[in-house]
Amino acid sequence: MLLLMQSIFWTIAGISSAPFALGGEAFMAGLALASMLFALGTCLCAIGLLWRRRWARTVVIALEVTCLLGSAVQLLLPIGFNRGLVSVLVNMAVPVAVLVLLRRGRELFS
């Protein structure tokens, strides 16, 4: 469920950046496409976890660790990162919760 929520967050980010691409900022089209691809990949990995596929567990752990590292870098560097409660919950708490739940269910994938 948490992975599907994360997928929805990335879908919303991709859809919300698309109007800027129409307004002339061409690099936003690439960011919209990347966000939508991350959303698709996360959704497919969530399905793989439901089917108890080992590759999905490995990919999700790598994805969540990458998300945590990226969020930590953005939190530490003053580059315009939103430091509000919702941002911290979405960028830090959701990946930590997914990692904790995947660590606990290790025996299901063997």
C-alpha atoms as a PDB file:
ATOM      1  CA  MET A   1       0.000   0.000   0.000  1.00  0.00           C
ATOM      2  CA  LEU A   2       2.842   2.380   0.813  1.00  0.00           C
ATOM      3  CA  LEU A   3       4.455   1.737  -2.566  1.00  0.00           C
ATOM      4  CA  LEU A   4       1.204   2.548  -4.312  1.00  0.00           C
ATOM      5  CA  MET A   5       0.994   5.785  -2.329  1.00  0.00           C
ATOM      6  CA  GLN A   6       4.545   6.611  -3.380  1.00  0.00           C
ATOM      7  CA  SER A   7       3.606   5.829  -6.973  1.00  0.00           C
ATOM      8  CA  ILE A   8       0.655   8.198  -6.712  1.00  0.00           C
ATOM      9  CA  PHE A   9       2.910  10.946  -5.302  1.00  0.00           C
ATOM     10  CA  TRP A  10       5.269  10.591  -8.284  1.00  0.00           C
ATOM     11  CA  THR A  11       2.328  10.557 -10.695  1.00  0.00           C
ATOM     12  CA  ILE A  12       1.022  13.797  -9.198  1.00  0.00           C
ATOM     13  CA  ALA A  13       4.508  15.330  -9.447  1.00  0.00           C
ATOM     14  CA  GLY A  14       4.724  14.326 -13.116  1.00  0.00           C
ATOM     15  CA  ILE A  15       1.285  15.676 -13.966  1.00  0.00           C
ATOM     16  CA  SER A  16       1.885  18.937 -12.101  1.00  0.00           C
ATOM     17  CA  SER A  17       5.173  19.596 -13.922  1.00  0.00           C
ATOM     18  CA  ALA A  18       3.697  19.004 -17.384  1.00  0.00           C
ATOM     19  CA  PRO A  19       2.056  22.480 -17.695  1.00  0.00           C
ATOM     20  CA  PHE A  20       5.442  24.112 -17.172  1.00  0.00           C
ATOM     21  CA  ALA A  21       6.762  22.151 -20.154  1.00  0.00           C
ATOM     22  CA  LEU A  22       3.873  23.498 -22.223  1.00  0.00           C
ATOM     23  CA  GLY A  23       4.761  26.996 -21.029  1.00  0.00           C
ATOM     24  CA  GLY A  24       8.218  26.879 -22.580  1.00  0.00           C
ATOM     25  CA  GLU A  25      10.440  25.238 -19.981  1.00  0.00           C
ATOM     26  CA  ALA A  26      11.552  22.238 -22.019  1.00  0.00           C
ATOM     27  CA  PHE A  27      13.518  20.509 -19.254  1.00  0.00           C
ATOM     28  CA  MET A  28      10.301  20.134 -17.247  1.00  0.00           C
ATOM     29  CA  ALA A  29       9.042  17.701 -19.890  1.00  0.00           C
ATOM     30  CA  GLY A  30      11.966  15.432 -19.039  1.00  0.00           C
ATOM     31  CA  LEU A  31      11.237  15.747 -15.336  1.00  0.00           C
ATOM     32  CA  ALA A  32       7.566  14.954 -15.957  1.00  0.00           C
ATOM     33  CA  LEU A  33       8.513  11.899 -17.988  1.00  0.00           C
ATOM     34  CA  ALA A  34      11.016  10.743 -15.361  1.00  0.00           C
ATOM     35  CA  SER A  35       8.436  11.128 -12.580  1.00  0.00           C
ATOM     36  CA  MET A  36       5.857   9.177 -14.545  1.00  0.00           C
ATOM     37  CA  LEU A  37       8.390   6.402 -15.271  1.00  0.00           C
ATOM     38  CA  PHE A  38       9.296   6.213 -11.582  1.00  0.00           C
ATOM     39  CA  ALA A  39       5.589   5.947 -10.790  1.00  0.00           C
ATOM     40  CA  LEU A  40       5.141   3.132 -13.301  1.00  0.00           C
ATOM     41  CA  GLY A  41       8.203   1.288 -12.030  1.00  0.00           C
ATOM     42  CA  THR A  42       7.099   1.623  -8.420  1.00  0.00           C
ATOM     43  CA  CYS A  43       3.638   0.341  -9.270  1.00  0.00           C
ATOM     44  CA  LEU A  44       5.115  -2.662 -11.105  1.00  0.00           C
ATOM     45  CA  CYS A  45       7.420  -3.380  -8.164  1.00  0.00           C
ATOM     46  CA  ALA A  46       4.434  -3.234  -5.807  1.00  0.00           C
ATOM     47  CA  ILE A  47       2.717  -5.849  -7.956  1.00  0.00           C
ATOM     48  CA  GLY A  48       5.909  -7.927  -7.899  1.00  0.00           C
ATOM     49  CA  LEU A  49       5.954  -7.729  -4.105  1.00  0.00           C
ATOM     50  CA  LEU A  50       2.363  -8.938  -3.964  1.00  0.00           C
ATOM     51  CA  TRP A  51       3.414 -11.913  -6.070  1.00  0.00           C
ATOM     52  CA  ARG A  52       6.419 -12.404  -3.736  1.00  0.00           C
ATOM     53  CA  ARG A  53       9.076 -11.969  -6.403  1.00  0.00           C
ATOM     54  CA  ARG A  54      12.635 -11.712  -5.076  1.00  0.00           C
ATOM     55  CA  TRP A  55      13.686  -9.233  -7.800  1.00  0.00           C
ATOM     56  CA  ALA A  56      10.914  -6.845  -6.740  1.00  0.00           C
ATOM     57  CA  ARG A  57      12.093  -6.867  -3.139  1.00  0.00           C
ATOM     58  CA  THR A  58      15.668  -6.138  -4.223  1.00  0.00           C
ATOM     59  CA  VAL A  59      14.610  -3.327  -6.561  1.00  0.00           C
ATOM     60  CA  VAL A  60      12.343  -1.736  -3.956  1.00  0.00           C
ATOM     61  CA  ILE A  61      15.064  -1.797  -1.298  1.00  0.00           C
ATOM     62  CA  ALA A  62      17.505  -0.139  -3.726  1.00  0.00           C
ATOM     63  CA  LEU A  63      14.883   2.428  -4.739  1.00  0.00           C
ATOM     64  CA  GLU A  64      13.994   3.335  -1.160  1.00  0.00           C
ATOM     65  CA  VAL A  65      17.636   3.653  -0.089  1.00  0.00           C
ATOM     66  CA  THR A  66      18.237   5.917  -3.092  1.00  0.00           C
ATOM     67  CA  CYS A  67      15.196   8.003  -2.174  1.00  0.00           C
ATOM     68  CA  LEU A  68      16.426   8.346   1.403  1.00  0.00           C
ATOM     69  CA  LEU A  69      19.914   9.383   0.305  1.00  0.00           C
ATOM     70  CA  GLY A  70      18.522  11.928  -2.151  1.00  0.00           C
ATOM     71  CA  SER A  71      16.153  13.346   0.445  1.00  0.00           C
ATOM     72  CA  ALA A  72      18.953  13.579   3.007  1.00  0.00           C
ATOM     73  CA  VAL A  73      21.139  15.480   0.541  1.00  0.00           C
ATOM     74  CA  GLN A  74      18.289  17.854  -0.267  1.00  0.00           C
ATOM     75  CA  LEU A  75      17.532  18.326   3.414  1.00  0.00           C
ATOM     76  CA  LEU A  76      21.164  19.126   4.270  1.00  0.00           C
ATOM     77  CA  LEU A  77      21.954  21.397   1.319  1.00  0.00           C
ATOM     78  CA  PRO A  78      20.174  24.737   0.969  1.00  0.00           C
ATOM     79  CA  ILE A  79      18.907  24.210  -2.594  1.00  0.00           C
ATOM     80  CA  GLY A  80      15.269  25.191  -2.235  1.00  0.00           C
ATOM     81  CA  PHE A  81      13.976  21.960  -0.735  1.00  0.00           C
ATOM     82  CA  ASN A  82      10.664  22.266   1.082  1.00  0.00           C
ATOM     83  CA  ARG A  83      11.250  21.451   4.744  1.00  0.00           C
ATOM     84  CA  GLY A  84       7.602  21.238   5.786  1.00  0.00           C
ATOM     85  CA  LEU A  85       5.951  18.356   7.593  1.00  0.00           C
ATOM     86  CA  VAL A  86       4.317  16.875   4.485  1.00  0.00           C
ATOM     87  CA  SER A  87       7.587  16.961   2.577  1.00  0.00           C
ATOM     88  CA  VAL A  88       9.488  15.212   5.359  1.00  0.00           C
ATOM     89  CA  LEU A  89       6.759  12.584   5.733  1.00  0.00           C
ATOM     90  CA  VAL A  90       6.587  11.851   1.997  1.00  0.00           C
ATOM     91  CA  ASN A  91      10.335  11.951   1.362  1.00  0.00           C
ATOM     92  CA  MET A  92      11.661  10.373   4.559  1.00  0.00           C
ATOM     93  CA  ALA A  93       8.960   8.562   6.529  1.00  0.00           C
ATOM     94  CA  VAL A  94       7.402   6.587   3.656  1.00  0.00           C
ATOM     95  CA  PRO A  95      10.737   5.111   2.447  1.00  0.00           C
ATOM     96  CA  VAL A  96      11.754   4.252   6.023  1.00  0.00           C
ATOM     97  CA  ALA A  97       8.398   2.543   6.627  1.00  0.00           C
ATOM     98  CA  VAL A  98       8.739   0.537   3.400  1.00  0.00           C
ATOM     99  CA  LEU A  99      12.269  -0.555   4.340  1.00  0.00           C
ATOM    100  CA  VAL A 100      11.161  -1.599   7.824  1.00  0.00           C
ATOM    101  CA  LEU A 101       8.254  -3.616   6.438  1.00  0.00           C
ATOM    102  CA  LEU A 102      10.446  -5.289   3.806  1.00  0.00           C
ATOM    103  CA  ARG A 103      13.101  -6.173   6.364  1.00  0.00           C
ATOM    104  CA  ARG A 104      10.491  -7.809   8.559  1.00  0.00           C
ATOM    105  CA  GLY A 105       9.063  -9.925   5.731  1.00  0.00           C
ATOM    106  CA  ARG A 106      12.395 -11.395   4.608  1.00  0.00           C
ATOM    107  CA  GLU A 107      11.317 -14.991   5.253  1.00  0.00           C
ATOM    108  CA  LEU A 108       8.367 -14.665   2.887  1.00  0.00           C
ATOM    109  CA  PHE A 109      10.671 -14.266  -0.113  1.00  0.00           C
ATOM    110  CA  SER A 110      12.925 -17.260   0.487  1.00  0.00           C
END
